[in-house]
């Protein structure tokens, strides 16, 4: 396994819309394993392939307290359940050091393939629903800062650019 480089905002590659995975094979499973290693080391609870400059519709996450419930979602599709929304304080490995309130649907249905290419669906709420929506945004070329005001987004961008220049 290998640690992958996580792209940071405002890197334009984060705006690339990911393409559907055509084949679940050993190469994809190696990428999945590398993404888990990268996510846990960061440390984070979710990572989309777009964040490691691989533009395939793939994400990994683990929202468990002990980090022992890894989940894989290949070609995920979500549908809100009901109309309830909830604000949640979100952070992101691609926007290090910043957290902002984002309002998202509270409950969702997700359909995806697992690491073996088997289709599944599940309902999610709370942190799992938020994390799935956040990571799927990445696959669509969006970041959580797109859900905040333009002024806040620009402030975050300028601070991160300054940090990146001095790194």
N, C-alpha and C. Protein backbone atom coordinates (compact mmCIF):
# COMPACT_ATOMS: atom_id res chain seq x y z
N UNK A 1 0.85 -1.18 0.00
CA UNK A 1 0.00 0.00 0.00
C UNK A 1 0.89 1.24 0.00
N UNK A 2 0.29 2.35 -0.42
CA UNK A 2 1.06 3.58 -0.53
C UNK A 2 0.22 4.78 -0.12
N UNK A 3 0.89 5.75 0.48
CA UNK A 3 0.22 7.01 0.79
C UNK A 3 0.16 7.84 -0.48
N UNK A 4 -1.00 8.39 -0.76
CA UNK A 4 -1.21 9.20 -1.94
C UNK A 4 -1.21 10.68 -1.56
N UNK A 5 -0.85 11.53 -2.51
CA UNK A 5 -0.89 12.98 -2.27
C UNK A 5 -2.34 13.45 -2.32
N UNK A 6 -2.75 14.22 -1.32
CA UNK A 6 -4.09 14.79 -1.29
C UNK A 6 -4.02 16.20 -1.85
N UNK A 7 -4.78 16.46 -2.91
CA UNK A 7 -4.83 17.78 -3.51
C UNK A 7 -5.50 18.76 -2.54
N UNK A 8 -5.04 20.00 -2.55
CA UNK A 8 -5.61 21.01 -1.66
C UNK A 8 -6.19 22.18 -2.45
N UNK A 9 -7.33 22.66 -1.99
CA UNK A 9 -7.98 23.85 -2.53
C UNK A 9 -6.98 25.00 -2.51
N UNK A 10 -6.84 25.78 -3.58
CA UNK A 10 -7.71 25.87 -4.75
C UNK A 10 -7.22 25.11 -5.99
N UNK A 11 -6.53 24.00 -5.83
CA UNK A 11 -6.01 23.23 -6.96
C UNK A 11 -7.15 22.96 -7.96
N UNK A 12 -6.97 23.38 -9.22
CA UNK A 12 -8.05 23.23 -10.20
C UNK A 12 -8.42 21.77 -10.50
N UNK A 13 -7.54 20.82 -10.22
CA UNK A 13 -7.86 19.41 -10.46
C UNK A 13 -9.00 18.93 -9.57
N UNK A 14 -9.23 19.63 -8.45
CA UNK A 14 -10.35 19.28 -7.58
C UNK A 14 -11.70 19.58 -8.23
N UNK A 15 -11.69 20.35 -9.31
CA UNK A 15 -12.93 20.72 -10.01
C UNK A 15 -13.27 19.76 -11.14
N UNK A 16 -12.44 18.73 -11.34
CA UNK A 16 -12.68 17.75 -12.40
C UNK A 16 -13.84 16.83 -12.00
N UNK A 17 -14.78 16.66 -12.92
CA UNK A 17 -15.90 15.74 -12.67
C UNK A 17 -15.42 14.32 -12.98
N UNK A 18 -15.58 13.44 -12.00
CA UNK A 18 -15.10 12.06 -12.12
C UNK A 18 -15.96 11.27 -13.09
N UNK A 19 -15.32 10.31 -13.76
CA UNK A 19 -16.01 9.45 -14.72
C UNK A 19 -16.40 8.13 -14.03
N UNK A 20 -17.50 7.52 -14.45
CA UNK A 20 -17.90 6.24 -13.85
C UNK A 20 -16.81 5.18 -14.00
N UNK A 21 -16.71 4.33 -13.00
CA UNK A 21 -15.79 3.19 -13.04
C UNK A 21 -16.41 2.16 -13.99
N UNK A 22 -15.61 1.71 -14.95
CA UNK A 22 -16.09 0.74 -15.93
C UNK A 22 -15.87 -0.70 -15.49
N UNK A 23 -14.79 -0.92 -14.71
CA UNK A 23 -14.44 -2.29 -14.33
C UNK A 23 -13.85 -2.29 -12.93
N UNK A 24 -14.36 -3.17 -12.10
CA UNK A 24 -13.81 -3.35 -10.75
C UNK A 24 -12.82 -4.51 -10.84
N UNK A 25 -11.53 -4.17 -10.74
CA UNK A 25 -10.48 -5.18 -10.89
C UNK A 25 -9.41 -4.99 -9.80
N UNK A 26 -8.35 -5.76 -9.90
CA UNK A 26 -7.30 -5.69 -8.88
C UNK A 26 -6.65 -4.31 -8.82
N UNK A 27 -6.51 -3.64 -9.96
CA UNK A 27 -5.94 -2.30 -9.98
C UNK A 27 -6.80 -1.32 -9.20
N UNK A 28 -8.12 -1.43 -9.35
CA UNK A 28 -9.03 -0.55 -8.60
C UNK A 28 -8.98 -0.89 -7.11
N UNK A 29 -8.92 -2.19 -6.79
CA UNK A 29 -8.86 -2.58 -5.37
C UNK A 29 -7.56 -2.10 -4.73
N UNK A 30 -6.46 -2.05 -5.48
CA UNK A 30 -5.21 -1.50 -4.94
C UNK A 30 -5.39 0.00 -4.67
N UNK A 31 -6.03 0.72 -5.60
CA UNK A 31 -6.32 2.13 -5.38
C UNK A 31 -7.17 2.32 -4.12
N UNK A 32 -8.18 1.46 -3.95
CA UNK A 32 -9.04 1.53 -2.76
C UNK A 32 -8.19 1.36 -1.49
N UNK A 33 -7.32 0.37 -1.48
CA UNK A 33 -6.46 0.14 -0.31
C UNK A 33 -5.55 1.34 -0.05
N UNK A 34 -4.98 1.91 -1.12
CA UNK A 34 -4.12 3.09 -0.96
C UNK A 34 -4.92 4.29 -0.45
N UNK A 35 -6.15 4.41 -0.92
CA UNK A 35 -6.99 5.52 -0.45
C UNK A 35 -7.32 5.36 1.03
N UNK A 36 -7.61 4.13 1.47
CA UNK A 36 -7.86 3.92 2.90
C UNK A 36 -6.62 4.27 3.72
N UNK A 37 -5.46 3.80 3.28
CA UNK A 37 -4.23 4.10 4.01
C UNK A 37 -4.02 5.62 4.10
N UNK A 38 -4.24 6.31 3.01
CA UNK A 38 -4.08 7.76 2.96
C UNK A 38 -5.08 8.45 3.88
N UNK A 39 -6.34 8.02 3.82
CA UNK A 39 -7.40 8.63 4.64
C UNK A 39 -7.12 8.45 6.13
N UNK A 40 -6.77 7.24 6.53
CA UNK A 40 -6.51 6.98 7.95
C UNK A 40 -5.28 7.75 8.43
N UNK A 41 -4.25 7.86 7.58
CA UNK A 41 -3.02 8.55 7.97
C UNK A 41 -3.23 10.06 8.08
N UNK A 42 -4.19 10.61 7.35
CA UNK A 42 -4.34 12.07 7.25
C UNK A 42 -4.56 12.81 8.57
N UNK A 43 -5.34 12.47 9.53
CA UNK A 43 -6.41 11.47 9.55
C UNK A 43 -7.73 12.08 9.08
N UNK A 44 -8.55 11.24 8.43
CA UNK A 44 -9.85 11.69 7.97
C UNK A 44 -10.86 10.57 8.08
N UNK A 45 -12.12 10.91 7.72
CA UNK A 45 -13.19 9.90 7.78
C UNK A 45 -13.75 9.60 6.39
N UNK A 46 -13.30 10.35 5.38
CA UNK A 46 -13.76 10.10 4.02
C UNK A 46 -12.74 10.62 3.03
N UNK A 47 -12.68 9.98 1.87
CA UNK A 47 -11.76 10.40 0.82
C UNK A 47 -12.34 9.99 -0.53
N UNK A 48 -12.45 10.97 -1.43
CA UNK A 48 -12.90 10.70 -2.80
C UNK A 48 -11.69 10.58 -3.71
N UNK A 49 -11.79 9.75 -4.74
CA UNK A 49 -10.67 9.56 -5.66
C UNK A 49 -10.20 10.88 -6.27
N UNK A 50 -11.12 11.79 -6.51
CA UNK A 50 -10.76 13.11 -7.06
C UNK A 50 -9.71 13.80 -6.19
N UNK A 51 -9.80 13.62 -4.88
CA UNK A 51 -8.87 14.28 -3.96
C UNK A 51 -7.45 13.78 -4.10
N UNK A 52 -7.27 12.60 -4.68
CA UNK A 52 -5.92 12.06 -4.91
C UNK A 52 -5.60 12.04 -6.40
N UNK A 53 -6.28 12.92 -7.13
CA UNK A 53 -6.04 13.15 -8.56
C UNK A 53 -6.32 11.92 -9.42
N UNK A 54 -7.31 11.13 -9.01
CA UNK A 54 -7.80 10.01 -9.82
C UNK A 54 -9.27 10.33 -10.08
N UNK A 55 -9.63 10.52 -11.32
CA UNK A 55 -10.95 11.06 -11.63
C UNK A 55 -11.93 9.96 -12.03
N UNK A 56 -12.11 9.05 -11.05
CA UNK A 56 -13.07 7.95 -11.16
C UNK A 56 -14.09 8.11 -10.04
N UNK A 57 -15.31 7.63 -10.25
CA UNK A 57 -16.38 7.77 -9.25
C UNK A 57 -16.20 6.69 -8.18
N UNK A 58 -15.34 6.99 -7.25
CA UNK A 58 -14.96 6.08 -6.17
C UNK A 58 -14.72 6.89 -4.92
N UNK A 59 -15.24 6.41 -3.79
CA UNK A 59 -14.94 7.04 -2.51
C UNK A 59 -14.84 5.97 -1.44
N UNK A 60 -14.07 6.30 -0.41
CA UNK A 60 -13.94 5.43 0.76
C UNK A 60 -14.27 6.26 1.98
N UNK A 61 -14.80 5.59 3.00
CA UNK A 61 -15.05 6.31 4.25
C UNK A 61 -15.13 5.34 5.41
N UNK A 62 -14.97 5.91 6.59
CA UNK A 62 -15.10 5.16 7.83
C UNK A 62 -15.47 6.16 8.91
N UNK A 63 -16.75 6.19 9.27
CA UNK A 63 -17.23 7.16 10.26
C UNK A 63 -17.34 6.54 11.65
N UNK A 64 -16.79 5.33 11.83
CA UNK A 64 -16.86 4.67 13.13
C UNK A 64 -15.92 5.33 14.13
N UNK A 65 -16.25 5.22 15.40
CA UNK A 65 -15.42 5.79 16.47
C UNK A 65 -14.00 5.23 16.46
N UNK A 66 -13.89 3.92 16.20
CA UNK A 66 -12.59 3.25 16.28
C UNK A 66 -11.87 3.12 14.94
N UNK A 67 -12.49 3.62 13.87
CA UNK A 67 -11.86 3.51 12.56
C UNK A 67 -11.73 2.07 12.11
N UNK A 68 -12.76 1.27 12.40
CA UNK A 68 -12.69 -0.15 12.06
C UNK A 68 -13.86 -0.61 11.19
N UNK A 69 -14.52 0.34 10.52
CA UNK A 69 -15.65 -0.02 9.66
C UNK A 69 -15.49 0.64 8.28
N UNK A 70 -14.46 0.24 7.54
CA UNK A 70 -14.23 0.84 6.22
C UNK A 70 -15.37 0.51 5.25
N UNK A 71 -15.75 1.51 4.48
CA UNK A 71 -16.82 1.35 3.50
C UNK A 71 -16.33 1.87 2.15
N UNK A 72 -16.70 1.17 1.07
CA UNK A 72 -16.31 1.52 -0.29
C UNK A 72 -17.59 1.77 -1.09
N UNK A 73 -17.57 2.85 -1.87
CA UNK A 73 -18.70 3.20 -2.72
C UNK A 73 -18.15 3.50 -4.12
N UNK A 74 -18.47 2.63 -5.07
CA UNK A 74 -18.07 2.79 -6.46
C UNK A 74 -19.30 3.20 -7.26
N UNK A 75 -19.17 4.26 -8.06
CA UNK A 75 -20.28 4.82 -8.84
C UNK A 75 -21.51 5.10 -7.96
N UNK A 76 -21.30 5.80 -6.82
CA UNK A 76 -22.42 6.04 -5.92
C UNK A 76 -23.45 7.02 -6.49
N UNK A 77 -24.72 6.74 -6.18
CA UNK A 77 -25.82 7.63 -6.53
C UNK A 77 -26.66 7.79 -5.27
N UNK A 78 -27.03 9.04 -4.98
CA UNK A 78 -27.83 9.27 -3.78
C UNK A 78 -29.16 9.92 -4.13
N UNK A 79 -30.15 9.61 -3.29
CA UNK A 79 -31.47 10.20 -3.39
C UNK A 79 -31.88 10.62 -1.98
N UNK A 80 -32.25 11.90 -1.80
CA UNK A 80 -32.72 12.30 -0.47
C UNK A 80 -33.98 11.53 -0.08
N UNK A 81 -34.12 11.23 1.20
CA UNK A 81 -35.33 10.61 1.73
C UNK A 81 -36.04 11.70 2.53
N UNK A 82 -37.20 12.10 2.07
CA UNK A 82 -37.92 13.18 2.73
C UNK A 82 -37.31 14.53 2.38
N UNK A 83 -37.80 15.57 3.07
CA UNK A 83 -37.35 16.92 2.76
C UNK A 83 -36.60 17.57 3.91
N UNK A 84 -36.35 16.81 4.99
CA UNK A 84 -35.64 17.38 6.14
C UNK A 84 -34.18 17.65 5.80
N UNK A 85 -33.70 18.80 6.21
CA UNK A 85 -32.30 19.14 6.06
C UNK A 85 -31.74 19.46 7.45
N UNK A 86 -30.41 19.45 7.54
CA UNK A 86 -29.78 19.68 8.82
C UNK A 86 -28.42 20.34 8.58
N UNK A 87 -28.09 21.34 9.40
CA UNK A 87 -26.74 21.92 9.28
C UNK A 87 -25.72 21.01 9.97
N UNK A 88 -24.54 20.96 9.41
CA UNK A 88 -23.48 20.14 10.00
C UNK A 88 -22.16 20.86 9.79
N UNK A 89 -21.32 20.84 10.79
CA UNK A 89 -20.00 21.45 10.71
C UNK A 89 -19.10 20.52 9.91
N UNK A 90 -18.69 20.96 8.72
CA UNK A 90 -17.89 20.11 7.85
C UNK A 90 -16.46 20.61 7.74
N UNK A 91 -15.55 19.67 7.62
CA UNK A 91 -14.16 19.95 7.33
C UNK A 91 -13.77 19.06 6.16
N UNK A 92 -12.53 19.21 5.68
CA UNK A 92 -12.14 18.47 4.48
C UNK A 92 -10.62 18.34 4.43
N UNK A 93 -10.14 17.17 4.06
CA UNK A 93 -8.70 16.95 3.90
C UNK A 93 -8.12 17.84 2.80
N UNK A 94 -8.95 18.27 1.85
CA UNK A 94 -8.48 19.14 0.78
C UNK A 94 -8.60 20.62 1.13
N UNK A 95 -9.19 20.91 2.28
CA UNK A 95 -9.30 22.29 2.77
C UNK A 95 -8.86 22.27 4.24
N UNK A 96 -7.57 21.96 4.47
CA UNK A 96 -7.11 21.73 5.84
C UNK A 96 -7.22 22.95 6.74
N UNK A 97 -7.68 22.68 7.97
CA UNK A 97 -7.74 23.73 8.97
C UNK A 97 -9.01 24.55 8.99
N UNK A 98 -9.95 24.26 8.11
CA UNK A 98 -11.18 25.06 8.05
C UNK A 98 -12.39 24.17 8.25
N UNK A 99 -13.38 24.71 8.97
CA UNK A 99 -14.65 24.04 9.19
C UNK A 99 -15.75 25.07 9.01
N UNK A 100 -16.81 24.70 8.32
CA UNK A 100 -17.94 25.60 8.08
C UNK A 100 -19.24 24.82 8.15
N UNK A 101 -20.31 25.52 8.50
CA UNK A 101 -21.65 24.92 8.52
C UNK A 101 -22.15 24.73 7.09
N UNK A 102 -22.64 23.51 6.81
CA UNK A 102 -23.24 23.19 5.51
C UNK A 102 -24.58 22.52 5.80
N UNK A 103 -25.61 22.95 5.06
CA UNK A 103 -26.94 22.36 5.22
C UNK A 103 -27.14 21.34 4.11
N UNK A 104 -27.47 20.12 4.51
CA UNK A 104 -27.67 19.02 3.54
C UNK A 104 -28.90 18.20 3.95
N UNK A 105 -29.43 17.40 3.02
CA UNK A 105 -30.50 16.47 3.40
C UNK A 105 -30.05 15.58 4.57
N UNK A 106 -30.96 15.35 5.50
CA UNK A 106 -30.64 14.59 6.71
C UNK A 106 -30.60 13.09 6.48
N UNK A 107 -31.44 12.59 5.57
CA UNK A 107 -31.49 11.16 5.29
C UNK A 107 -31.39 10.94 3.78
N UNK A 108 -30.62 9.93 3.39
CA UNK A 108 -30.45 9.63 1.97
C UNK A 108 -30.49 8.13 1.72
N UNK A 109 -30.76 7.78 0.48
CA UNK A 109 -30.62 6.41 0.00
C UNK A 109 -29.43 6.44 -0.95
N UNK A 110 -28.49 5.54 -0.76
CA UNK A 110 -27.33 5.45 -1.65
C UNK A 110 -27.32 4.10 -2.33
N UNK A 111 -27.03 4.13 -3.63
CA UNK A 111 -26.83 2.92 -4.43
C UNK A 111 -25.41 2.98 -4.96
N UNK A 112 -24.70 1.86 -4.89
CA UNK A 112 -23.30 1.85 -5.34
C UNK A 112 -22.86 0.41 -5.56
N UNK A 113 -21.61 0.28 -6.00
CA UNK A 113 -20.96 -1.02 -6.07
C UNK A 113 -19.95 -1.09 -4.92
N UNK A 114 -19.72 -2.29 -4.39
CA UNK A 114 -18.71 -2.47 -3.34
C UNK A 114 -17.36 -2.80 -3.99
N UNK A 115 -16.36 -3.10 -3.18
CA UNK A 115 -15.01 -3.34 -3.70
C UNK A 115 -14.91 -4.58 -4.59
N UNK A 116 -15.95 -5.41 -4.58
CA UNK A 116 -15.97 -6.61 -5.42
C UNK A 116 -16.85 -6.42 -6.66
N UNK A 117 -17.40 -5.23 -6.82
CA UNK A 117 -18.25 -4.95 -7.97
C UNK A 117 -19.69 -5.37 -7.78
N UNK A 118 -20.05 -5.72 -6.54
CA UNK A 118 -21.42 -6.13 -6.23
C UNK A 118 -22.25 -4.89 -5.90
N UNK A 119 -23.44 -4.80 -6.51
CA UNK A 119 -24.32 -3.65 -6.26
C UNK A 119 -24.99 -3.79 -4.89
N UNK A 120 -25.14 -2.65 -4.21
CA UNK A 120 -25.86 -2.63 -2.94
C UNK A 120 -26.56 -1.28 -2.79
N UNK A 121 -27.49 -1.23 -1.86
CA UNK A 121 -28.10 0.04 -1.51
C UNK A 121 -28.33 0.07 -0.01
N UNK A 122 -28.30 1.29 0.53
CA UNK A 122 -28.50 1.43 1.96
C UNK A 122 -29.03 2.83 2.26
N UNK A 123 -29.74 2.93 3.38
CA UNK A 123 -30.17 4.23 3.86
C UNK A 123 -29.11 4.75 4.82
N UNK A 124 -28.93 6.06 4.83
CA UNK A 124 -27.95 6.67 5.71
C UNK A 124 -28.53 7.95 6.29
N UNK A 125 -28.14 8.23 7.53
CA UNK A 125 -28.51 9.50 8.15
C UNK A 125 -27.34 9.97 9.01
N UNK A 126 -27.47 11.13 9.62
CA UNK A 126 -26.43 11.64 10.49
C UNK A 126 -25.10 11.81 9.78
N UNK A 127 -24.01 11.50 10.50
CA UNK A 127 -22.67 11.70 9.99
C UNK A 127 -22.41 10.91 8.70
N UNK A 128 -22.92 9.69 8.61
CA UNK A 128 -22.73 8.89 7.41
C UNK A 128 -23.35 9.57 6.19
N UNK A 129 -24.57 10.09 6.33
CA UNK A 129 -25.24 10.78 5.22
C UNK A 129 -24.46 12.02 4.82
N UNK A 130 -24.00 12.78 5.80
CA UNK A 130 -23.23 14.00 5.51
C UNK A 130 -21.94 13.65 4.78
N UNK A 131 -21.22 12.65 5.28
CA UNK A 131 -19.95 12.25 4.69
C UNK A 131 -20.14 11.77 3.25
N UNK A 132 -21.16 10.97 3.01
CA UNK A 132 -21.43 10.49 1.65
C UNK A 132 -21.71 11.67 0.71
N UNK A 133 -22.54 12.59 1.14
CA UNK A 133 -22.87 13.74 0.29
C UNK A 133 -21.63 14.61 0.04
N UNK A 134 -20.82 14.79 1.06
CA UNK A 134 -19.59 15.58 0.95
C UNK A 134 -18.63 14.94 -0.07
N UNK A 135 -18.43 13.64 0.04
CA UNK A 135 -17.50 12.95 -0.86
C UNK A 135 -18.05 12.87 -2.29
N UNK A 136 -19.35 12.68 -2.44
CA UNK A 136 -19.94 12.67 -3.78
C UNK A 136 -19.83 14.05 -4.42
N UNK A 137 -19.93 15.11 -3.61
CA UNK A 137 -19.66 16.45 -4.15
C UNK A 137 -18.27 16.49 -4.81
N UNK A 138 -17.27 15.90 -4.15
CA UNK A 138 -15.92 15.87 -4.74
C UNK A 138 -15.94 15.21 -6.11
N UNK A 139 -16.68 14.11 -6.23
CA UNK A 139 -16.75 13.40 -7.51
C UNK A 139 -17.41 14.26 -8.59
N UNK A 140 -18.21 15.23 -8.15
CA UNK A 140 -18.88 16.15 -9.07
C UNK A 140 -18.09 17.44 -9.26
N UNK A 141 -16.86 17.50 -8.73
CA UNK A 141 -16.03 18.69 -8.88
C UNK A 141 -16.39 19.82 -7.93
N UNK A 142 -17.06 19.49 -6.83
CA UNK A 142 -17.48 20.51 -5.86
C UNK A 142 -16.77 20.29 -4.54
N UNK A 143 -16.67 21.37 -3.77
CA UNK A 143 -16.07 21.32 -2.43
C UNK A 143 -17.06 21.89 -1.43
N UNK A 144 -16.87 21.58 -0.15
CA UNK A 144 -17.80 22.10 0.84
C UNK A 144 -17.79 23.62 0.89
N UNK A 145 -16.68 24.24 0.49
CA UNK A 145 -16.62 25.70 0.49
C UNK A 145 -17.54 26.30 -0.57
N UNK A 146 -18.01 25.49 -1.51
CA UNK A 146 -18.98 25.98 -2.50
C UNK A 146 -20.35 26.18 -1.87
N UNK A 147 -20.55 25.65 -0.67
CA UNK A 147 -21.83 25.78 0.03
C UNK A 147 -21.84 26.96 0.99
N UNK A 148 -20.72 27.69 1.09
CA UNK A 148 -20.66 28.86 1.98
C UNK A 148 -20.63 30.12 1.12
N UNK A 149 -20.67 31.26 1.76
CA UNK A 149 -20.70 32.52 1.02
C UNK A 149 -19.42 32.71 0.21
N UNK A 150 -19.54 33.50 -0.83
CA UNK A 150 -18.39 33.79 -1.69
C UNK A 150 -17.28 34.47 -0.89
N UNK A 151 -17.66 35.34 0.02
CA UNK A 151 -16.69 36.04 0.85
C UNK A 151 -15.89 35.06 1.71
N UNK A 152 -16.57 34.12 2.37
CA UNK A 152 -15.89 33.11 3.18
C UNK A 152 -14.98 32.23 2.31
N UNK A 153 -15.49 31.83 1.14
CA UNK A 153 -14.72 30.97 0.24
C UNK A 153 -13.43 31.68 -0.19
N UNK A 154 -13.51 32.96 -0.53
CA UNK A 154 -12.33 33.72 -0.94
C UNK A 154 -11.34 33.87 0.20
N UNK A 155 -11.84 34.09 1.41
CA UNK A 155 -10.98 34.20 2.59
C UNK A 155 -10.21 32.90 2.81
N UNK A 156 -10.91 31.78 2.71
CA UNK A 156 -10.28 30.46 2.88
C UNK A 156 -9.24 30.24 1.77
N UNK A 157 -9.62 30.55 0.53
CA UNK A 157 -8.70 30.36 -0.60
C UNK A 157 -7.41 31.16 -0.38
N UNK A 158 -7.54 32.42 0.01
CA UNK A 158 -6.35 33.27 0.20
C UNK A 158 -5.47 32.75 1.32
N UNK A 159 -6.08 32.31 2.42
CA UNK A 159 -5.28 31.78 3.53
C UNK A 159 -4.55 30.50 3.13
N UNK A 160 -5.22 29.62 2.41
CA UNK A 160 -4.56 28.37 1.99
C UNK A 160 -3.47 28.64 0.95
N UNK A 161 -3.69 29.57 0.05
CA UNK A 161 -2.64 29.91 -0.92
C UNK A 161 -1.41 30.44 -0.20
N UNK A 162 -1.61 31.24 0.83
CA UNK A 162 -0.49 31.79 1.60
C UNK A 162 0.28 30.65 2.28
N UNK A 163 -0.44 29.73 2.91
CA UNK A 163 0.19 28.58 3.57
C UNK A 163 0.97 27.75 2.55
N UNK A 164 0.36 27.51 1.37
CA UNK A 164 1.01 26.70 0.34
C UNK A 164 2.28 27.36 -0.20
N UNK A 165 2.27 28.69 -0.30
CA UNK A 165 3.46 29.41 -0.77
C UNK A 165 4.61 29.28 0.20
N UNK A 166 4.31 29.18 1.49
CA UNK A 166 5.35 29.11 2.52
C UNK A 166 5.71 27.70 2.93
N UNK A 167 5.11 26.72 2.26
CA UNK A 167 5.37 25.31 2.60
C UNK A 167 6.63 24.80 1.92
